[in-house]
PDB file of N, CA and C in Angstrom:
ATOM      1  N   UNK A   1       0.772  -1.078  -0.227  1.00  0.00           N
ATOM      2  CA  UNK A   1       0.168  -0.085   0.218  1.00  0.00           C
ATOM      3  C   UNK A   1       0.549   1.271  -0.443  1.00  0.00           C
ATOM      4  N   UNK A   2       0.655   2.116  -1.029  1.00  0.00           N
ATOM      5  CA  UNK A   2       1.310   3.190  -1.157  1.00  0.00           C
ATOM      6  C   UNK A   2       0.814   4.206  -0.143  1.00  0.00           C
ATOM      7  N   UNK A   3       1.280   5.455   0.781  1.00  0.00           N
ATOM      8  CA  UNK A   3       1.055   5.995   1.213  1.00  0.00           C
ATOM      9  C   UNK A   3       1.794   7.541   1.171  1.00  0.00           C
ATOM     10  N   UNK A   4       1.476   8.883   1.206  1.00  0.00           N
ATOM     11  CA  UNK A   4       1.919  10.238   1.098  1.00  0.00           C
ATOM     12  C   UNK A   4       2.372  10.546   1.540  1.00  0.00           C
ATOM     13  N   UNK A   5       3.748  10.918   1.194  1.00  0.00           N
ATOM     14  CA  UNK A   5       4.612  11.672   1.647  1.00  0.00           C
ATOM     15  C   UNK A   5       4.603  12.392   2.963  1.00  0.00           C
ATOM     16  N   UNK A   6       5.284  12.183   3.987  1.00  0.00           N
ATOM     17  CA  UNK A   6       4.685  13.266   5.052  1.00  0.00           C
ATOM     18  C   UNK A   6       5.037  14.283   4.867  1.00  0.00           C
ATOM     19  N   UNK A   7       4.144  14.995   5.291  1.00  0.00           N
ATOM     20  CA  UNK A   7       4.044  16.502   5.109  1.00  0.00           C
ATOM     21  C   UNK A   7       4.878  17.402   5.947  1.00  0.00           C
ATOM     22  N   UNK A   8       5.477  17.081   7.081  1.00  0.00           N
ATOM     23  CA  UNK A   8       6.459  17.951   7.676  1.00  0.00           C
ATOM     24  C   UNK A   8       8.108  17.884   7.213  1.00  0.00           C
ATOM     25  N   UNK A   9       8.303  17.238   5.548  1.00  0.00           N
ATOM     26  CA  UNK A   9       9.336  17.810   5.509  1.00  0.00           C
ATOM     27  C   UNK A   9       9.678  18.876   4.696  1.00  0.00           C
ATOM     28  N   UNK A  10      10.708  19.307   4.913  1.00  0.00           N
ATOM     29  CA  UNK A  10      11.084  20.792   4.290  1.00  0.00           C
ATOM     30  C   UNK A  10       9.905  21.803   4.743  1.00  0.00           C
ATOM     31  N   UNK A  11       9.501  21.703   5.705  1.00  0.00           N
ATOM     32  CA  UNK A  11       8.025  22.570   6.029  1.00  0.00           C
ATOM     33  C   UNK A  11       6.634  22.274   5.156  1.00  0.00           C
ATOM     34  N   UNK A  12       6.593  21.278   4.112  1.00  0.00           N
ATOM     35  CA  UNK A  12       5.780  20.866   3.616  1.00  0.00           C
ATOM     36  C   UNK A  12       5.199  22.281   2.773  1.00  0.00           C
ATOM     37  N   UNK A  13       6.043  23.489   2.484  1.00  0.00           N
ATOM     38  CA  UNK A  13       5.202  24.598   2.032  1.00  0.00           C
ATOM     39  C   UNK A  13       4.716  25.216   2.985  1.00  0.00           C
ATOM     40  N   UNK A  14       4.197  25.098   4.142  1.00  0.00           N
ATOM     41  CA  UNK A  14       3.448  26.135   4.920  1.00  0.00           C
ATOM     42  C   UNK A  14       3.978  26.859   6.032  1.00  0.00           C
ATOM     43  N   UNK A  15       3.597  28.278   6.263  1.00  0.00           N
ATOM     44  CA  UNK A  15       4.130  29.294   7.245  1.00  0.00           C
ATOM     45  C   UNK A  15       6.011  29.662   6.445  1.00  0.00           C
ATOM     46  N   UNK A  16       6.236  29.724   7.710  1.00  0.00           N
ATOM     47  CA  UNK A  16       8.226  30.250   7.278  1.00  0.00           C
ATOM     48  C   UNK A  16       8.677  29.007   7.749  1.00  0.00           C
ATOM     49  N   UNK A  17      10.380  28.953   6.844  1.00  0.00           N
ATOM     50  CA  UNK A  17      10.859  27.915   7.060  1.00  0.00           C
ATOM     51  C   UNK A  17      11.460  28.055   8.438  1.00  0.00           C
ATOM     52  N   UNK A  18      11.758  26.831   9.111  1.00  0.00           N
ATOM     53  CA  UNK A  18      12.251  26.553  10.784  1.00  0.00           C
ATOM     54  C   UNK A  18      14.016  26.150  10.744  1.00  0.00           C
ATOM     55  N   UNK A  19      14.130  26.251   9.296  1.00  0.00           N
ATOM     56  CA  UNK A  19      15.705  25.889   9.070  1.00  0.00           C
ATOM     57  C   UNK A  19      16.402  26.359  10.025  1.00  0.00           C
ATOM     58  N   UNK A  20      17.420  26.159   9.966  1.00  0.00           N
ATOM     59  CA  UNK A  20      18.663  26.596  10.880  1.00  0.00           C
ATOM     60  C   UNK A  20      19.783  26.513  10.411  1.00  0.00           C
ATOM     61  N   UNK A  21      20.945  27.133  10.889  1.00  0.00           N
ATOM     62  CA  UNK A  21      22.183  27.013  10.527  1.00  0.00           C
ATOM     63  C   UNK A  21      22.485  25.943  11.415  1.00  0.00           C
ATOM     64  N   UNK A  22      23.749  25.182  11.372  1.00  0.00           N
ATOM     65  CA  UNK A  22      24.235  24.180  12.005  1.00  0.00           C
ATOM     66  C   UNK A  22      25.407  24.970  13.107  1.00  0.00           C
ATOM     67  N   UNK A  23      26.003  26.128  12.649  1.00  0.00           N
ATOM     68  CA  UNK A  23      27.140  26.925  12.823  1.00  0.00           C
ATOM     69  C   UNK A  23      26.622  27.583  14.124  1.00  0.00           C
ATOM     70  N   UNK A  24      25.469  28.551  14.014  1.00  0.00           N
ATOM     71  CA  UNK A  24      25.358  29.657  14.609  1.00  0.00           C
ATOM     72  C   UNK A  24      23.995  29.038  15.874  1.00  0.00           C
ATOM     73  N   UNK A  25      22.848  27.997  15.357  1.00  0.00           N
ATOM     74  CA  UNK A  25      21.707  28.043  15.671  1.00  0.00           C
ATOM     75  C   UNK A  25      20.954  29.189  15.220  1.00  0.00           C
ATOM     76  N   UNK A  26      20.988  29.957  14.226  1.00  0.00           N
ATOM     77  CA  UNK A  26      20.134  30.669  13.917  1.00  0.00           C
ATOM     78  C   UNK A  26      19.665  30.827  12.624  1.00  0.00           C
ATOM     79  N   UNK A  27      18.684  31.228  12.134  1.00  0.00           N
ATOM     80  CA  UNK A  27      18.349  30.925  10.735  1.00  0.00           C
ATOM     81  C   UNK A  27      18.978  31.600   9.949  1.00  0.00           C
ATOM     82  N   UNK A  28      19.009  31.331   8.317  1.00  0.00           N
ATOM     83  CA  UNK A  28      20.005  31.966   7.494  1.00  0.00           C
ATOM     84  C   UNK A  28      19.455  33.796   7.565  1.00  0.00           C
ATOM     85  N   UNK A  29      18.135  33.890   7.537  1.00  0.00           N
ATOM     86  CA  UNK A  29      17.656  34.913   7.699  1.00  0.00           C
ATOM     87  C   UNK A  29      18.191  35.449   8.339  1.00  0.00           C
ATOM     88  N   UNK A  30      17.823  35.220   9.859  1.00  0.00           N
ATOM     89  CA  UNK A  30      18.270  36.058  10.911  1.00  0.00           C
ATOM     90  C   UNK A  30      19.783  36.876  10.832  1.00  0.00           C
ATOM     91  N   UNK A  31      20.284  35.600  10.637  1.00  0.00           N
ATOM     92  CA  UNK A  31      21.837  35.926  10.410  1.00  0.00           C
ATOM     93  C   UNK A  31      22.288  37.087   9.274  1.00  0.00           C
ATOM     94  N   UNK A  32      21.353  36.951   8.363  1.00  0.00           N
ATOM     95  CA  UNK A  32      21.491  38.273   7.390  1.00  0.00           C
ATOM     96  C   UNK A  32      21.237  39.295   7.868  1.00  0.00           C
ATOM     97  N   UNK A  33      20.237  39.266   8.474  1.00  0.00           N
ATOM     98  CA  UNK A  33      19.522  40.587   8.581  1.00  0.00           C
ATOM     99  C   UNK A  33      20.499  41.465  10.077  1.00  0.00           C
ATOM    100  N   UNK A  34      21.324  40.133  10.766  1.00  0.00           N
ATOM    101  CA  UNK A  34      22.019  40.707  11.931  1.00  0.00           C
ATOM    102  C   UNK A  34      23.372  41.093  11.385  1.00  0.00           C
ATOM    103  N   UNK A  35      23.992  40.987  10.017  1.00  0.00           N
ATOM    104  CA  UNK A  35      24.840  41.452   9.658  1.00  0.00           C
ATOM    105  C   UNK A  35      24.518  42.421   8.548  1.00  0.00           C
ATOM    106  N   UNK A  36      23.255  42.658   8.412  1.00  0.00           N
ATOM    107  CA  UNK A  36      23.550  43.903   7.176  1.00  0.00           C
ATOM    108  C   UNK A  36      22.119  45.007   7.762  1.00  0.00           C
ATOM    109  N   UNK A  37      22.320  45.728   9.097  1.00  0.00           N
ATOM    110  CA  UNK A  37      21.579  46.247   9.296  1.00  0.00           C
ATOM    111  C   UNK A  37      20.853  47.862   8.758  1.00  0.00           C
ATOM    112  N   UNK A  38      21.660  48.177   7.795  1.00  0.00           N
ATOM    113  CA  UNK A  38      21.379  49.067   6.888  1.00  0.00           C
ATOM    114  C   UNK A  38      20.124  48.893   5.683  1.00  0.00           C
ATOM    115  N   UNK A  39      20.905  47.390   5.473  1.00  0.00           N
ATOM    116  CA  UNK A  39      19.820  46.610   4.325  1.00  0.00           C
ATOM    117  C   UNK A  39      18.434  46.693   4.997  1.00  0.00           C
ATOM    118  N   UNK A  40      18.402  46.200   6.344  1.00  0.00           N
ATOM    119  CA  UNK A  40      16.996  45.999   6.831  1.00  0.00           C
ATOM    120  C   UNK A  40      16.487  47.479   7.271  1.00  0.00           C
ATOM    121  N   UNK A  41      17.027  48.618   7.375  1.00  0.00           N
ATOM    122  CA  UNK A  41      16.295  49.743   7.544  1.00  0.00           C
ATOM    123  C   UNK A  41      15.855  50.207   6.172  1.00  0.00           C
ATOM    124  N   UNK A  42      16.475  50.001   4.892  1.00  0.00           N
ATOM    125  CA  UNK A  42      16.037  50.646   3.687  1.00  0.00           C
ATOM    126  C   UNK A  42      14.943  49.632   3.398  1.00  0.00           C
ATOM    127  N   UNK A  43      14.701  48.364   3.372  1.00  0.00           N
ATOM    128  CA  UNK A  43      13.704  47.868   3.404  1.00  0.00           C
ATOM    129  C   UNK A  43      12.541  48.024   3.961  1.00  0.00           C
ATOM    130  N   UNK A  44      12.407  47.926   5.340  1.00  0.00           N
ATOM    131  CA  UNK A  44      11.790  48.359   6.169  1.00  0.00           C
ATOM    132  C   UNK A  44      11.153  49.801   5.995  1.00  0.00           C
ATOM    133  N   UNK A  45      11.922  50.858   5.254  1.00  0.00           N
ATOM    134  CA  UNK A  45      11.520  52.311   5.168  1.00  0.00           C
ATOM    135  C   UNK A  45      10.919  52.366   4.001  1.00  0.00           C
ATOM    136  N   UNK A  46      11.607  51.642   2.611  1.00  0.00           N
ATOM    137  CA  UNK A  46      10.437  51.487   1.752  1.00  0.00           C
ATOM    138  C   UNK A  46       9.318  50.901   1.605  1.00  0.00           C
ATOM    139  N   UNK A  47       8.950  49.728   2.032  1.00  0.00           N
ATOM    140  CA  UNK A  47       7.828  49.093   2.959  1.00  0.00           C
ATOM    141  C   UNK A  47       6.763  50.274   3.230  1.00  0.00           C
ATOM    142  N   UNK A  48       7.692  50.929   4.304  1.00  0.00           N
ATOM    143  CA  UNK A  48       6.586  52.135   5.050  1.00  0.00           C
ATOM    144  C   UNK A  48       5.808  53.113   3.967  1.00  0.00           C
ATOM    145  N   UNK A  49       6.897  53.376   2.888  1.00  0.00           N
ATOM    146  CA  UNK A  49       6.187  54.297   1.790  1.00  0.00           C
ATOM    147  C   UNK A  49       5.400  53.501   0.907  1.00  0.00           C
ATOM    148  N   UNK A  50       5.817  52.235   0.602  1.00  0.00           N
ATOM    149  CA  UNK A  50       4.842  51.567   0.016  1.00  0.00           C
ATOM    150  C   UNK A  50       3.303  51.746   0.109  1.00  0.00           C
ATOM    151  N   UNK A  51       3.720  51.114   1.040  1.00  0.00           N
ATOM    152  CA  UNK A  51       2.090  51.295   2.111  1.00  0.00           C
ATOM    153  C   UNK A  51       1.261  52.625   2.513  1.00  0.00           C
ATOM    154  N   UNK A  52       1.609  53.875   2.692  1.00  0.00           N
ATOM    155  CA  UNK A  52       1.562  54.777   2.283  1.00  0.00           C
ATOM    156  C   UNK A  52       1.000  56.068   1.552  1.00  0.00           C
ATOM    157  N   UNK A  53       1.604  54.876   0.088  1.00  0.00           N
ATOM    158  CA  UNK A  53       1.184  55.731  -0.664  1.00  0.00           C
ATOM    159  C   UNK A  53       2.162  56.770  -1.106  1.00  0.00           C
ATOM    160  N   UNK A  54       3.698  56.486  -0.625  1.00  0.00           N
ATOM    161  CA  UNK A  54       4.632  57.658  -1.061  1.00  0.00           C
ATOM    162  C   UNK A  54       5.307  57.137  -2.467  1.00  0.00           C
ATOM    163  N   UNK A  55       5.384  55.652  -2.275  1.00  0.00           N
ATOM    164  CA  UNK A  55       6.016  55.566  -3.679  1.00  0.00           C
ATOM    165  C   UNK A  55       5.183  54.884  -4.069  1.00  0.00           C
ATOM    166  N   UNK A  56       5.293  54.412  -5.546  1.00  0.00           N
ATOM    167  CA  UNK A  56       4.318  53.585  -6.343  1.00  0.00           C
ATOM    168  C   UNK A  56       5.467  52.419  -6.837  1.00  0.00           C
ATOM    169  N   UNK A  57       4.804  51.380  -6.838  1.00  0.00           N
ATOM    170  CA  UNK A  57       5.396  50.241  -7.270  1.00  0.00           C
ATOM    171  C   UNK A  57       5.414  50.048  -8.548  1.00  0.00           C
ATOM    172  N   UNK A  58       6.538  50.258  -9.569  1.00  0.00           N
ATOM    173  CA  UNK A  58       6.607  50.087 -11.063  1.00  0.00           C
ATOM    174  C   UNK A  58       6.839  48.885 -11.557  1.00  0.00           C
ATOM    175  N   UNK A  59       6.531  48.519 -12.967  1.00  0.00           N
ATOM    176  CA  UNK A  59       6.767  47.164 -13.451  1.00  0.00           C
ATOM    177  C   UNK A  59       8.272  47.112 -13.717  1.00  0.00           C
ATOM    178  N   UNK A  60       8.715  45.826 -14.045  1.00  0.00           N
ATOM    179  CA  UNK A  60      10.026  45.436 -14.155  1.00  0.00           C
ATOM    180  C   UNK A  60      10.450  46.458 -15.831  1.00  0.00           C
ATOM    181  N   UNK A  61      12.001  47.089 -15.218  1.00  0.00           N
ATOM    182  CA  UNK A  61      12.349  47.949 -16.235  1.00  0.00           C
ATOM    183  C   UNK A  61      13.175  47.488 -17.102  1.00  0.00           C
ATOM    184  N   UNK A  62      13.347  45.966 -17.327  1.00  0.00           N
ATOM    185  CA  UNK A  62      13.780  45.148 -18.320  1.00  0.00           C
ATOM    186  C   UNK A  62      12.526  44.482 -19.183  1.00  0.00           C
ATOM    187  N   UNK A  63      11.725  44.028 -18.341  1.00  0.00           N
ATOM    188  CA  UNK A  63      10.483  42.950 -19.309  1.00  0.00           C
ATOM    189  C   UNK A  63       9.154  43.841 -19.401  1.00  0.00           C
ATOM    190  N   UNK A  64       9.236  44.473 -18.289  1.00  0.00           N
ATOM    191  CA  UNK A  64       7.811  45.127 -18.155  1.00  0.00           C
ATOM    192  C   UNK A  64       6.808  44.570 -17.426  1.00  0.00           C
ATOM    193  N   UNK A  65       7.696  43.615 -16.483  1.00  0.00           N
ATOM    194  CA  UNK A  65       6.237  42.412 -16.191  1.00  0.00           C
ATOM    195  C   UNK A  65       5.871  43.225 -14.672  1.00  0.00           C
ATOM    196  N   UNK A  66       4.280  43.211 -14.335  1.00  0.00           N
ATOM    197  CA  UNK A  66       3.939  44.011 -13.788  1.00  0.00           C
ATOM    198  C   UNK A  66       4.077  43.569 -12.227  1.00  0.00           C
ATOM    199  N   UNK A  67       4.535  42.436 -11.881  1.00  0.00           N
ATOM    200  CA  UNK A  67       5.183  41.856 -10.581  1.00  0.00           C
ATOM    201  C   UNK A  67       6.475  42.182 -10.297  1.00  0.00           C
ATOM    202  N   UNK A  68       7.097  42.867  -9.545  1.00  0.00           N
ATOM    203  CA  UNK A  68       8.500  43.117  -9.560  1.00  0.00           C
ATOM    204  C   UNK A  68       8.689  43.730  -7.951  1.00  0.00           C
ATOM    205  N   UNK A  69       9.920  43.695  -8.054  1.00  0.00           N
ATOM    206  CA  UNK A  69      10.660  43.648  -6.584  1.00  0.00           C
ATOM    207  C   UNK A  69      11.452  44.818  -6.480  1.00  0.00           C
ATOM    208  N   UNK A  70      12.092  45.865  -5.765  1.00  0.00           N
ATOM    209  CA  UNK A  70      12.578  46.722  -5.489  1.00  0.00           C
ATOM    210  C   UNK A  70      14.072  46.453  -5.431  1.00  0.00           C
ATOM    211  N   UNK A  71      14.887  47.338  -5.909  1.00  0.00           N
ATOM    212  CA  UNK A  71      16.573  46.780  -5.829  1.00  0.00           C
ATOM    213  C   UNK A  71      17.202  48.279  -5.308  1.00  0.00           C
ATOM    214  N   UNK A  72      17.883  48.187  -4.206  1.00  0.00           N
ATOM    215  CA  UNK A  72      18.944  49.427  -3.644  1.00  0.00           C
ATOM    216  C   UNK A  72      19.936  49.006  -4.273  1.00  0.00           C
ATOM    217  N   UNK A  73      20.386  50.137  -5.065  1.00  0.00           N
ATOM    218  CA  UNK A  73      21.506  50.533  -5.673  1.00  0.00           C
ATOM    219  C   UNK A  73      22.546  50.996  -4.326  1.00  0.00           C
ATOM    220  N   UNK A  74      21.954  51.512  -3.391  1.00  0.00           N
ATOM    221  CA  UNK A  74      22.639  52.669  -2.035  1.00  0.00           C
ATOM    222  C   UNK A  74      21.598  52.348  -1.289  1.00  0.00           C
ATOM    223  N   UNK A  75      21.883  51.590   0.082  1.00  0.00           N
ATOM    224  CA  UNK A  75      21.171  51.486   1.114  1.00  0.00           C
ATOM    225  C   UNK A  75      20.963  52.736   1.976  1.00  0.00           C
ATOM    226  N   UNK A  76      21.864  53.933   1.885  1.00  0.00           N
ATOM    227  CA  UNK A  76      21.500  55.076   2.390  1.00  0.00           C
ATOM    228  C   UNK A  76      20.647  55.498   1.485  1.00  0.00           C
ATOM    229  N   UNK A  77      19.994  55.440   0.455  1.00  0.00           N
ATOM    230  CA  UNK A  77      18.959  56.271  -0.157  1.00  0.00           C
ATOM    231  C   UNK A  77      17.832  55.386  -0.503  1.00  0.00           C
ATOM    232  N   UNK A  78      16.615  54.954   0.782  1.00  0.00           N
ATOM    233  CA  UNK A  78      16.049  53.653   0.511  1.00  0.00           C
ATOM    234  C   UNK A  78      14.628  54.030  -0.410  1.00  0.00           C
ATOM    235  N   UNK A  79      14.326  55.429  -0.733  1.00  0.00           N
ATOM    236  CA  UNK A  79      13.439  55.304  -1.414  1.00  0.00           C
ATOM    237  C   UNK A  79      14.225  55.608  -3.276  1.00  0.00           C
ATOM    238  N   UNK A  80      15.228  55.749  -3.720  1.00  0.00           N
ATOM    239  CA  UNK A  80      16.191  55.534  -4.714  1.00  0.00           C
ATOM    240  C   UNK A  80      16.103  53.935  -5.105  1.00  0.00           C
ATOM    241  N   UNK A  81      15.126  53.444  -5.902  1.00  0.00           N
ATOM    242  CA  UNK A  81      15.392  51.598  -6.158  1.00  0.00           C
ATOM    243  C   UNK A  81      15.118  51.648  -7.699  1.00  0.00           C
ATOM    244  N   UNK A  82      15.219  50.466  -8.190  1.00  0.00           N
ATOM    245  CA  UNK A  82      15.020  50.052  -9.466  1.00  0.00           C
ATOM    246  C   UNK A  82      14.115  49.052  -9.509  1.00  0.00           C
ATOM    247  N   UNK A  83      13.433  48.959 -10.070  1.00  0.00           N
ATOM    248  CA  UNK A  83      11.983  48.064 -10.105  1.00  0.00           C
ATOM    249  C   UNK A  83      12.911  46.998 -11.442  1.00  0.00           C
ATOM    250  N   UNK A  84      12.374  45.854 -10.690  1.00  0.00           N
ATOM    251  CA  UNK A  84      12.793  44.486 -11.441  1.00  0.00           C
ATOM    252  C   UNK A  84      12.000  43.161 -11.357  1.00  0.00           C
ATOM    253  N   UNK A  85      11.579  42.496 -12.097  1.00  0.00           N
ATOM    254  CA  UNK A  85      11.245  40.858 -11.774  1.00  0.00           C
ATOM    255  C   UNK A  85      12.019  40.370 -11.379  1.00  0.00           C
ATOM    256  N   UNK A  86      11.628  39.124 -10.545  1.00  0.00           N
ATOM    257  CA  UNK A  86      12.066  38.454 -10.086  1.00  0.00           C
ATOM    258  C   UNK A  86      13.232  37.883 -10.404  1.00  0.00           C
ATOM    259  N   UNK A  87      13.195  37.430 -11.869  1.00  0.00           N
ATOM    260  CA  UNK A  87      14.390  36.811 -13.184  1.00  0.00           C
ATOM    261  C   UNK A  87      15.205  37.916 -13.315  1.00  0.00           C
ATOM    262  N   UNK A  88      15.381  39.190 -13.246  1.00  0.00           N
ATOM    263  CA  UNK A  88      15.619  39.894 -13.699  1.00  0.00           C
ATOM    264  C   UNK A  88      16.579  40.882 -12.454  1.00  0.00           C
ATOM    265  N   UNK A  89      15.684  40.818 -11.192  1.00  0.00           N
ATOM    266  CA  UNK A  89      16.935  41.303 -10.046  1.00  0.00           C
ATOM    267  C   UNK A  89      17.915  40.460  -9.393  1.00  0.00           C
ATOM    268  N   UNK A  90      17.673  38.842  -9.782  1.00  0.00           N
ATOM    269  CA  UNK A  90      18.411  38.007 -10.049  1.00  0.00           C
ATOM    270  C   UNK A  90      19.561  38.227 -10.634  1.00  0.00           C
ATOM    271  N   UNK A  91      19.580  38.445 -11.829  1.00  0.00           N
ATOM    272  CA  UNK A  91      20.535  38.663 -12.682  1.00  0.00           C
ATOM    273  C   UNK A  91      21.640  39.851 -12.371  1.00  0.00           C
ATOM    274  N   UNK A  92      20.550  40.884 -12.016  1.00  0.00           N
ATOM    275  CA  UNK A  92      20.919  42.141 -11.351  1.00  0.00           C
ATOM    276  C   UNK A  92      22.277  42.018 -10.366  1.00  0.00           C
ATOM    277  N   UNK A  93      21.806  40.639  -9.025  1.00  0.00           N
ATOM    278  CA  UNK A  93      22.842  41.012  -8.573  1.00  0.00           C
ATOM    279  C   UNK A  93      23.999  39.836  -8.969  1.00  0.00           C
ATOM    280  N   UNK A  94      23.549  39.128 -10.035  1.00  0.00           N
ATOM    281  CA  UNK A  94      24.892  38.242 -10.612  1.00  0.00           C
ATOM    282  C   UNK A  94      25.524  39.244 -11.375  1.00  0.00           C
ATOM    283  N   UNK A  95      25.032  40.138 -12.230  1.00  0.00           N
ATOM    284  CA  UNK A  95      26.061  41.092 -12.754  1.00  0.00           C
ATOM    285  C   UNK A  95      26.721  41.875 -11.700  1.00  0.00           C
ATOM    286  N   UNK A  96      26.102  42.354 -10.991  1.00  0.00           N
ATOM    287  CA  UNK A  96      26.817  43.502  -9.695  1.00  0.00           C
ATOM    288  C   UNK A  96      27.982  42.444  -8.921  1.00  0.00           C
ATOM    289  N   UNK A  97      27.846  40.896  -8.521  1.00  0.00           N
ATOM    290  CA  UNK A  97      28.670  40.276  -8.415  1.00  0.00           C
ATOM    291  C   UNK A  97      29.928  40.175  -9.074  1.00  0.00           C
ATOM    292  N   UNK A  98      29.816  39.581 -10.284  1.00  0.00           N
ATOM    293  CA  UNK A  98      30.513  39.533 -11.361  1.00  0.00           C
ATOM    294  C   UNK A  98      31.397  40.532 -11.291  1.00  0.00           C
ATOM    295  N   UNK A  99      30.821  41.834 -11.411  1.00  0.00           N
ATOM    296  CA  UNK A  99      31.715  43.274 -11.392  1.00  0.00           C
ATOM    297  C   UNK A  99      32.734  43.114 -10.434  1.00  0.00           C
ATOM    298  N   UNK A 100      32.158  42.993  -8.989  1.00  0.00           N
ATOM    299  CA  UNK A 100      33.096  42.988  -7.982  1.00  0.00           C
ATOM    300  C   UNK A 100      34.194  42.604  -7.821  1.00  0.00           C
ATOM    301  N   UNK A 101      33.791  40.884  -8.631  1.00  0.00           N
ATOM    302  CA  UNK A 101      34.743  40.147  -8.890  1.00  0.00           C
ATOM    303  C   UNK A 101      36.071  40.702  -9.729  1.00  0.00           C
ATOM    304  N   UNK A 102      35.663  41.069 -10.797  1.00  0.00           N
ATOM    305  CA  UNK A 102      36.475  41.663 -11.834  1.00  0.00           C
ATOM    306  C   UNK A 102      36.957  42.824 -11.631  1.00  0.00           C
ATOM    307  N   UNK A 103      35.937  43.407 -10.907  1.00  0.00           N
ATOM    308  CA  UNK A 103      36.799  44.898 -11.078  1.00  0.00           C
ATOM    309  C   UNK A 103      36.680  45.785 -11.583  1.00  0.00           C
TER     310      UNK A 103
END
């Protein structure tokens, strides 16, 4: 008799991940937040401005997709963002990483 896979494997897509780092005992997201307070502040400031209608979300500047994410070129200027769909946002981070490595 076949049985369904347990739903607790990989959190079953329910809720937030409870995965923890073996090294520090905290989630990777919590570790990132602790290491990047300026980025966290910029994200919170932008989220607040979006909720209050002070900033309007725009489509992806590359492909025009309506579902877009904000990219902060400079965390000291939280309202100065570029809008990318998930695909092009990841592509931008890869480009920046490559630029940093190759100088």
